[in-house]
Amino acid sequence: MKQMSEELDQRLLGATFALPNGQTTGVIRFYGIYYHYRVQGQAQPGLKVAVRQVTPEYLVVRAAGQKLDY
């Protein structure tokens, strides 16, 4: 049986936000919970990013317009 926190984390896939600075790591708040994130690719202030992967340690985000590589 899945825990509620796991289900909430999966709901973050596709969520978008703007980077507050040019750092490749940081913290973002969704649904009142703070999450660490890491940027795939180049980071710049104001860049719109989307959550692409959820790990137990952090969210993986990349520029919202970029397509996934397979």
PDB file of N, CA and C in Angstrom:
ATOM      1  N   MET A   1       0.838  -1.179   0.000  1.00  0.00           N
ATOM      2  CA  MET A   1       0.000   0.000   0.000  1.00  0.00           C
ATOM      3  C   MET A   1       0.886   1.246   0.000  1.00  0.00           C
ATOM      4  N   LYS A   2       0.604   2.193  -0.885  1.00  0.00           N
ATOM      5  CA  LYS A   2       1.401   3.412  -0.977  1.00  0.00           C
ATOM      6  C   LYS A   2       1.097   4.345   0.183  1.00  0.00           C
ATOM      7  N   GLN A   3       2.143   5.048   0.603  1.00  0.00           N
ATOM      8  CA  GLN A   3       1.947   6.060   1.623  1.00  0.00           C
ATOM      9  C   GLN A   3       1.450   7.334   0.951  1.00  0.00           C
ATOM     10  N   MET A   4       0.743   8.152   1.699  1.00  0.00           N
ATOM     11  CA  MET A   4       0.189   9.380   1.145  1.00  0.00           C
ATOM     12  C   MET A   4       1.290  10.289   0.601  1.00  0.00           C
ATOM     13  N   SER A   5       2.449  10.359   1.275  1.00  0.00           N
ATOM     14  CA  SER A   5       3.523  11.242   0.818  1.00  0.00           C
ATOM     15  C   SER A   5       4.039  10.822  -0.549  1.00  0.00           C
ATOM     16  N   GLU A   6       4.084   9.520  -0.844  1.00  0.00           N
ATOM     17  CA  GLU A   6       4.520   9.048  -2.157  1.00  0.00           C
ATOM     18  C   GLU A   6       3.538   9.492  -3.233  1.00  0.00           C
ATOM     19  N   GLU A   7       2.253   9.400  -2.957  1.00  0.00           N
ATOM     20  CA  GLU A   7       1.245   9.810  -3.926  1.00  0.00           C
ATOM     21  C   GLU A   7       1.318  11.312  -4.173  1.00  0.00           C
ATOM     22  N   LEU A   8       1.523  12.089  -3.135  1.00  0.00           N
ATOM     23  CA  LEU A   8       1.637  13.535  -3.278  1.00  0.00           C
ATOM     24  C   LEU A   8       2.845  13.876  -4.138  1.00  0.00           C
ATOM     25  N   ASP A   9       3.971  13.230  -3.881  1.00  0.00           N
ATOM     26  CA  ASP A   9       5.176  13.493  -4.651  1.00  0.00           C
ATOM     27  C   ASP A   9       4.957  13.217  -6.130  1.00  0.00           C
ATOM     28  N   GLN A  10       4.267  12.147  -6.481  1.00  0.00           N
ATOM     29  CA  GLN A  10       4.023  11.820  -7.882  1.00  0.00           C
ATOM     30  C   GLN A  10       3.132  12.867  -8.548  1.00  0.00           C
ATOM     31  N   ARG A  11       2.288  13.515  -7.785  1.00  0.00           N
ATOM     32  CA  ARG A  11       1.440  14.573  -8.338  1.00  0.00           C
ATOM     33  C   ARG A  11       2.253  15.800  -8.741  1.00  0.00           C
ATOM     34  N   LEU A  12       3.485  15.872  -8.284  1.00  0.00           N
ATOM     35  CA  LEU A  12       4.336  17.008  -8.629  1.00  0.00           C
ATOM     36  C   LEU A  12       4.878  16.918 -10.054  1.00  0.00           C
ATOM     37  N   LEU A  13       4.846  15.737 -10.657  1.00  0.00           N
ATOM     38  CA  LEU A  13       5.345  15.588 -12.027  1.00  0.00           C
ATOM     39  C   LEU A  13       4.607  16.546 -12.952  1.00  0.00           C
ATOM     40  N   GLY A  14       5.365  17.338 -13.684  1.00  0.00           N
ATOM     41  CA  GLY A  14       4.777  18.317 -14.594  1.00  0.00           C
ATOM     42  C   GLY A  14       4.528  19.684 -13.969  1.00  0.00           C
ATOM     43  N   ALA A  15       4.634  19.790 -12.650  1.00  0.00           N
ATOM     44  CA  ALA A  15       4.443  21.088 -11.990  1.00  0.00           C
ATOM     45  C   ALA A  15       5.539  22.054 -12.449  1.00  0.00           C
ATOM     46  N   THR A  16       5.195  23.308 -12.614  1.00  0.00           N
ATOM     47  CA  THR A  16       6.166  24.297 -13.089  1.00  0.00           C
ATOM     48  C   THR A  16       6.361  25.406 -12.065  1.00  0.00           C
ATOM     49  N   PHE A  17       7.535  26.023 -12.140  1.00  0.00           N
ATOM     50  CA  PHE A  17       7.842  27.200 -11.334  1.00  0.00           C
ATOM     51  C   PHE A  17       9.016  27.926 -11.976  1.00  0.00           C
ATOM     52  N   ALA A  18       9.231  29.163 -11.598  1.00  0.00           N
ATOM     53  CA  ALA A  18      10.346  29.962 -12.111  1.00  0.00           C
ATOM     54  C   ALA A  18      11.506  29.895 -11.124  1.00  0.00           C
ATOM     55  N   LEU A  19      12.705  29.689 -11.644  1.00  0.00           N
ATOM     56  CA  LEU A  19      13.884  29.648 -10.776  1.00  0.00           C
ATOM     57  C   LEU A  19      14.120  31.032 -10.175  1.00  0.00           C
ATOM     58  N   PRO A  20      14.363  31.099  -8.868  1.00  0.00           N
ATOM     59  CA  PRO A  20      14.572  32.397  -8.230  1.00  0.00           C
ATOM     60  C   PRO A  20      15.967  32.975  -8.483  1.00  0.00           C
ATOM     61  N   ASN A  21      16.917  32.113  -8.892  1.00  0.00           N
ATOM     62  CA  ASN A  21      18.299  32.560  -9.114  1.00  0.00           C
ATOM     63  C   ASN A  21      18.976  31.621 -10.116  1.00  0.00           C
ATOM     64  N   GLY A  22      20.262  31.794 -10.322  1.00  0.00           N
ATOM     65  CA  GLY A  22      20.994  30.985 -11.286  1.00  0.00           C
ATOM     66  C   GLY A  22      21.622  29.729 -10.712  1.00  0.00           C
ATOM     67  N   GLN A  23      21.248  29.362  -9.507  1.00  0.00           N
ATOM     68  CA  GLN A  23      21.792  28.159  -8.867  1.00  0.00           C
ATOM     69  C   GLN A  23      21.180  26.904  -9.480  1.00  0.00           C
ATOM     70  N   THR A  24      21.944  25.816  -9.512  1.00  0.00           N
ATOM     71  CA  THR A  24      21.428  24.557 -10.060  1.00  0.00           C
ATOM     72  C   THR A  24      20.727  23.704  -9.009  1.00  0.00           C
ATOM     73  N   THR A  25      20.742  24.135  -7.763  1.00  0.00           N
ATOM     74  CA  THR A  25      20.010  23.440  -6.701  1.00  0.00           C
ATOM     75  C   THR A  25      19.270  24.478  -5.867  1.00  0.00           C
ATOM     76  N   GLY A  26      18.237  24.019  -5.180  1.00  0.00           N
ATOM     77  CA  GLY A  26      17.488  24.932  -4.334  1.00  0.00           C
ATOM     78  C   GLY A  26      16.340  24.231  -3.644  1.00  0.00           C
ATOM     79  N   VAL A  27      15.456  25.028  -3.085  1.00  0.00           N
ATOM     80  CA  VAL A  27      14.296  24.521  -2.358  1.00  0.00           C
ATOM     81  C   VAL A  27      13.061  25.238  -2.893  1.00  0.00           C
ATOM     82  N   ILE A  28      12.000  24.478  -3.106  1.00  0.00           N
ATOM     83  CA  ILE A  28      10.726  25.023  -3.590  1.00  0.00           C
ATOM     84  C   ILE A  28       9.600  24.469  -2.722  1.00  0.00           C
ATOM     85  N   ARG A  29       8.544  25.227  -2.582  1.00  0.00           N
ATOM     86  CA  ARG A  29       7.418  24.799  -1.744  1.00  0.00           C
ATOM     87  C   ARG A  29       6.213  24.483  -2.621  1.00  0.00           C
ATOM     88  N   PHE A  30       5.699  23.267  -2.484  1.00  0.00           N
ATOM     89  CA  PHE A  30       4.464  22.835  -3.132  1.00  0.00           C
ATOM     90  C   PHE A  30       3.542  22.270  -2.063  1.00  0.00           C
ATOM     91  N   TYR A  31       2.285  22.646  -2.086  1.00  0.00           N
ATOM     92  CA  TYR A  31       1.282  22.116  -1.154  1.00  0.00           C
ATOM     93  C   TYR A  31       1.722  22.248   0.305  1.00  0.00           C
ATOM     94  N   GLY A  32       2.450  23.313   0.616  1.00  0.00           N
ATOM     95  CA  GLY A  32       2.892  23.553   1.979  1.00  0.00           C
ATOM     96  C   GLY A  32       4.085  22.724   2.415  1.00  0.00           C
ATOM     97  N   ILE A  33       4.693  21.975   1.498  1.00  0.00           N
ATOM     98  CA  ILE A  33       5.847  21.122   1.804  1.00  0.00           C
ATOM     99  C   ILE A  33       7.048  21.641   1.025  1.00  0.00           C
ATOM    100  N   TYR A  34       8.194  21.722   1.685  1.00  0.00           N
ATOM    101  CA  TYR A  34       9.418  22.167   1.025  1.00  0.00           C
ATOM    102  C   TYR A  34      10.148  20.977   0.412  1.00  0.00           C
ATOM    103  N   TYR A  35      10.567  21.131  -0.840  1.00  0.00           N
ATOM    104  CA  TYR A  35      11.281  20.087  -1.575  1.00  0.00           C
ATOM    105  C   TYR A  35      12.602  20.649  -2.094  1.00  0.00           C
ATOM    106  N   HIS A  36      13.649  19.848  -2.026  1.00  0.00           N
ATOM    107  CA  HIS A  36      14.910  20.191  -2.677  1.00  0.00           C
ATOM    108  C   HIS A  36      14.760  19.875  -4.155  1.00  0.00           C
ATOM    109  N   TYR A  37      15.413  20.653  -5.001  1.00  0.00           N
ATOM    110  CA  TYR A  37      15.382  20.366  -6.436  1.00  0.00           C
ATOM    111  C   TYR A  37      16.774  20.525  -7.031  1.00  0.00           C
ATOM    112  N   ARG A  38      16.977  19.866  -8.173  1.00  0.00           N
ATOM    113  CA  ARG A  38      18.207  19.993  -8.961  1.00  0.00           C
ATOM    114  C   ARG A  38      17.812  20.270 -10.402  1.00  0.00           C
ATOM    115  N   VAL A  39      18.500  21.204 -11.013  1.00  0.00           N
ATOM    116  CA  VAL A  39      18.201  21.594 -12.388  1.00  0.00           C
ATOM    117  C   VAL A  39      19.054  20.769 -13.353  1.00  0.00           C
ATOM    118  N   GLN A  40      18.411  20.175 -14.351  1.00  0.00           N
ATOM    119  CA  GLN A  40      19.131  19.524 -15.442  1.00  0.00           C
ATOM    120  C   GLN A  40      19.339  20.575 -16.514  1.00  0.00           C
ATOM    121  N   GLY A  41      20.564  20.799 -16.897  1.00  0.00           N
ATOM    122  CA  GLY A  41      20.850  21.826 -17.889  1.00  0.00           C
ATOM    123  C   GLY A  41      21.252  23.125 -17.221  1.00  0.00           C
ATOM    124  N   GLN A  42      21.207  24.184 -18.002  1.00  0.00           N
ATOM    125  CA  GLN A  42      21.650  25.490 -17.532  1.00  0.00           C
ATOM    126  C   GLN A  42      20.558  26.179 -16.720  1.00  0.00           C
ATOM    127  N   ALA A  43      20.962  26.788 -15.623  1.00  0.00           N
ATOM    128  CA  ALA A  43      20.014  27.507 -14.761  1.00  0.00           C
ATOM    129  C   ALA A  43      20.240  29.006 -14.913  1.00  0.00           C
ATOM    130  N   GLN A  44      19.143  29.752 -14.963  1.00  0.00           N
ATOM    131  CA  GLN A  44      19.226  31.212 -14.981  1.00  0.00           C
ATOM    132  C   GLN A  44      18.011  31.776 -14.257  1.00  0.00           C
ATOM    133  N   PRO A  45      18.162  32.921 -13.616  1.00  0.00           N
ATOM    134  CA  PRO A  45      17.042  33.494 -12.873  1.00  0.00           C
ATOM    135  C   PRO A  45      15.822  33.705 -13.765  1.00  0.00           C
ATOM    136  N   GLY A  46      14.659  33.322 -13.262  1.00  0.00           N
ATOM    137  CA  GLY A  46      13.408  33.508 -13.986  1.00  0.00           C
ATOM    138  C   GLY A  46      13.074  32.412 -14.984  1.00  0.00           C
ATOM    139  N   LEU A  47      13.987  31.458 -15.193  1.00  0.00           N
ATOM    140  CA  LEU A  47      13.739  30.363 -16.134  1.00  0.00           C
ATOM    141  C   LEU A  47      12.572  29.512 -15.641  1.00  0.00           C
ATOM    142  N   LYS A  48      11.590  29.276 -16.499  1.00  0.00           N
ATOM    143  CA  LYS A  48      10.459  28.423 -16.136  1.00  0.00           C
ATOM    144  C   LYS A  48      10.889  26.968 -16.282  1.00  0.00           C
ATOM    145  N   VAL A  49      10.777  26.205 -15.195  1.00  0.00           N
ATOM    146  CA  VAL A  49      11.165  24.798 -15.188  1.00  0.00           C
ATOM    147  C   VAL A  49       9.976  23.934 -14.800  1.00  0.00           C
ATOM    148  N   ALA A  50      10.054  22.658 -15.166  1.00  0.00           N
ATOM    149  CA  ALA A  50       9.005  21.694 -14.832  1.00  0.00           C
ATOM    150  C   ALA A  50       9.634  20.509 -14.116  1.00  0.00           C
ATOM    151  N   VAL A  51       8.894  19.927 -13.188  1.00  0.00           N
ATOM    152  CA  VAL A  51       9.354  18.736 -12.475  1.00  0.00           C
ATOM    153  C   VAL A  51       9.267  17.555 -13.433  1.00  0.00           C
ATOM    154  N   ARG A  52      10.393  16.883 -13.655  1.00  0.00           N
ATOM    155  CA  ARG A  52      10.455  15.751 -14.587  1.00  0.00           C
ATOM    156  C   ARG A  52      10.605  14.418 -13.882  1.00  0.00           C
ATOM    157  N   GLN A  53      11.144  14.436 -12.660  1.00  0.00           N
ATOM    158  CA  GLN A  53      11.365  13.186 -11.924  1.00  0.00           C
ATOM    159  C   GLN A  53      11.318  13.484 -10.435  1.00  0.00           C
ATOM    160  N   VAL A  54      10.803  12.537  -9.674  1.00  0.00           N
ATOM    161  CA  VAL A  54      10.751  12.645  -8.221  1.00  0.00           C
ATOM    162  C   VAL A  54      11.633  11.550  -7.644  1.00  0.00           C
ATOM    163  N   THR A  55      12.599  11.928  -6.814  1.00  0.00           N
ATOM    164  CA  THR A  55      13.439  10.952  -6.125  1.00  0.00           C
ATOM    165  C   THR A  55      13.231  11.144  -4.625  1.00  0.00           C
ATOM    166  N   PRO A  56      13.667  10.197  -3.816  1.00  0.00           N
ATOM    167  CA  PRO A  56      13.520  10.377  -2.366  1.00  0.00           C
ATOM    168  C   PRO A  56      14.300  11.581  -1.819  1.00  0.00           C
ATOM    169  N   GLU A  57      15.360  12.001  -2.526  1.00  0.00           N
ATOM    170  CA  GLU A  57      16.192  13.096  -2.039  1.00  0.00           C
ATOM    171  C   GLU A  57      15.822  14.461  -2.608  1.00  0.00           C
ATOM    172  N   TYR A  58      15.360  14.514  -3.872  1.00  0.00           N
ATOM    173  CA  TYR A  58      15.112  15.800  -4.509  1.00  0.00           C
ATOM    174  C   TYR A  58      14.233  15.631  -5.748  1.00  0.00           C
ATOM    175  N   LEU A  59      13.752  16.763  -6.262  1.00  0.00           N
ATOM    176  CA  LEU A  59      13.011  16.791  -7.521  1.00  0.00           C
ATOM    177  C   LEU A  59      13.994  17.123  -8.635  1.00  0.00           C
ATOM    178  N   VAL A  60      13.857  16.461  -9.767  1.00  0.00           N
ATOM    179  CA  VAL A  60      14.669  16.771 -10.943  1.00  0.00           C
ATOM    180  C   VAL A  60      13.824  17.674 -11.831  1.00  0.00           C
ATOM    181  N   VAL A  61      14.357  18.861 -12.138  1.00  0.00           N
ATOM    182  CA  VAL A  61      13.627  19.810 -12.977  1.00  0.00           C
ATOM    183  C   VAL A  61      14.472  20.178 -14.187  1.00  0.00           C
ATOM    184  N   ARG A  62      13.797  20.562 -15.261  1.00  0.00           N
ATOM    185  CA  ARG A  62      14.490  21.065 -16.457  1.00  0.00           C
ATOM    186  C   ARG A  62      13.609  22.117 -17.092  1.00  0.00           C
ATOM    187  N   ALA A  63      14.185  22.885 -18.003  1.00  0.00           N
ATOM    188  CA  ALA A  63      13.443  23.961 -18.655  1.00  0.00           C
ATOM    189  C   ALA A  63      12.122  23.427 -19.188  1.00  0.00           C
ATOM    190  N   ALA A  64      11.049  24.155 -18.964  1.00  0.00           N
ATOM    191  CA  ALA A  64       9.698  23.678 -19.283  1.00  0.00           C
ATOM    192  C   ALA A  64       9.504  23.398 -20.764  1.00  0.00           C
ATOM    193  N   GLY A  65      10.219  24.066 -21.651  1.00  0.00           N
ATOM    194  CA  GLY A  65      10.040  23.856 -23.078  1.00  0.00           C
ATOM    195  C   GLY A  65      10.841  22.704 -23.647  1.00  0.00           C
ATOM    196  N   GLN A  66      11.772  22.136 -22.864  1.00  0.00           N
ATOM    197  CA  GLN A  66      12.628  21.066 -23.365  1.00  0.00           C
ATOM    198  C   GLN A  66      11.899  19.742 -23.370  1.00  0.00           C
ATOM    199  N   LYS A  67      12.166  18.950 -24.384  1.00  0.00           N
ATOM    200  CA  LYS A  67      11.585  17.611 -24.465  1.00  0.00           C
ATOM    201  C   LYS A  67      12.519  16.626 -23.784  1.00  0.00           C
ATOM    202  N   LEU A  68      11.960  15.532 -23.302  1.00  0.00           N
ATOM    203  CA  LEU A  68      12.768  14.502 -22.657  1.00  0.00           C
ATOM    204  C   LEU A  68      13.581  13.738 -23.684  1.00  0.00           C
ATOM    205  N   ASP A  69      14.793  13.355 -23.297  1.00  0.00           N
ATOM    206  CA  ASP A  69      15.635  12.512 -24.143  1.00  0.00           C
ATOM    207  C   ASP A  69      15.385  11.056 -23.785  1.00  0.00           C
ATOM    208  N   TYR A  70      15.281  10.197 -24.800  1.00  0.00           N
ATOM    209  CA  TYR A  70      15.077   8.773 -24.549  1.00  0.00           C
ATOM    210  C   TYR A  70      16.255   7.995 -25.058  1.00  0.00           C
TER     211      TYR A  70
END
